[in-house]
Protein backbone atom coordinates (compact mmCIF):
# COMPACT_ATOMS: atom_id res chain seq x y z
CA MET A 1 0.00 0.00 0.00
CA ILE A 2 1.31 3.44 -0.90
CA SER A 3 1.61 5.88 1.96
CA ARG A 4 -0.76 8.85 1.88
CA ASN A 5 2.01 11.38 2.40
CA HIS A 6 3.45 13.43 -0.42
CA GLY A 7 6.40 11.17 -0.85
CA GLY A 8 9.03 13.60 0.32
CA LYS A 9 10.98 13.79 3.52
CA LEU A 10 13.15 16.51 5.00
CA LYS A 11 16.02 14.93 6.89
CA SER A 12 17.54 16.57 9.96
CA ASN A 13 20.49 17.77 7.87
CA ASN A 14 18.06 19.57 5.50
CA GLU A 15 18.43 16.94 2.81
CA ILE A 16 15.29 16.36 0.75
CA ARG A 17 14.57 12.79 -0.30
CA ILE A 18 11.77 11.94 -2.68
CA SER A 19 10.13 8.51 -2.53
CA SER A 20 10.90 6.16 -5.40
CA VAL A 21 7.14 5.96 -5.93
CA PHE A 22 7.55 9.25 -7.80
CA LYS A 23 10.40 8.12 -10.07
CA ASP A 24 8.12 8.36 -13.12
CA ALA A 25 6.08 11.34 -11.91
CA PRO A 26 5.70 14.37 -14.14
CA GLU A 27 8.14 17.19 -13.42
CA PRO A 28 5.46 19.56 -12.01
CA LEU A 29 4.61 17.03 -9.29
CA LEU A 30 8.26 16.69 -8.35
CA ARG A 31 8.50 20.48 -8.21
CA MET A 32 5.50 20.55 -5.85
CA LEU A 33 7.17 17.99 -3.57
CA VAL A 34 10.36 20.05 -3.42
CA VAL A 35 8.39 23.24 -2.68
CA HIS A 36 6.51 21.38 0.07
CA GLU A 37 9.71 20.20 1.72
CA LEU A 38 11.43 23.57 1.33
CA ALA A 39 8.50 25.24 3.07
CA HIS A 40 9.12 22.93 6.03
CA LEU A 41 12.50 24.62 6.53
CA ARG A 42 10.58 27.67 7.75
CA GLU A 43 7.23 26.26 8.86
CA LYS A 44 7.27 22.86 10.57
CA GLU A 45 3.48 22.44 10.76
CA HIS A 46 0.93 22.31 7.93
CA ASN A 47 -0.73 25.57 8.92
CA LYS A 48 -1.91 28.70 7.10
CA SER A 49 1.61 30.18 7.00
CA PHE A 50 2.97 26.95 5.57
CA TYR A 51 0.50 26.91 2.69
CA GLN A 52 0.95 30.64 2.04
CA LEU A 53 4.68 30.01 1.69
CA CYS A 54 4.06 27.06 -0.66
CA CYS A 55 1.80 29.23 -2.83
CA HIS A 56 4.38 32.02 -2.82
CA MET A 57 7.02 29.64 -4.18
CA GLU A 58 4.63 27.80 -6.53
CA PRO A 59 1.45 29.75 -7.41
CA GLY A 60 -0.30 26.59 -8.64
CA TYR A 61 0.62 24.67 -5.49
CA HIS A 62 -2.89 23.59 -4.48
CA GLN A 63 -3.67 22.15 -7.91
CA LEU A 64 -0.32 20.35 -7.99
CA GLU A 65 -0.98 18.93 -4.53
CA LEU A 66 -4.32 17.58 -5.74
CA ASP A 67 -2.64 16.19 -8.85
CA ALA A 68 -0.06 14.43 -6.65
CA ARG A 69 -2.81 12.81 -4.59
CA LEU A 70 -4.56 11.66 -7.76
CA PHE A 71 -1.24 10.31 -9.09
CA MET A 72 -0.81 8.27 -5.89
CA ILE A 73 -4.34 6.85 -6.25
CA TYR A 74 -3.55 5.98 -9.86
CA LEU A 75 -0.41 4.12 -8.72
CA GLU A 76 -2.43 2.18 -6.13
CA ILE A 77 -4.89 0.84 -8.69
CA MET A 78 -2.25 -0.09 -11.30
């Protein structure tokens, strides 16, 4: 079963690792994952400030986040 997280992880040394589940993901989804993890450098919680920062870095963030969730569902059924 594929985890319901975004597939990225920010390590304690600020290294971003992307799950191999996304190895064939379209570039915009990978960009969204990187933006998500970069936002965690400033905002640790998924709060209003976090999402404002994500949208500042990637104006289409919310659509890309939805697309990533749909991509993960697609992978589950394949």
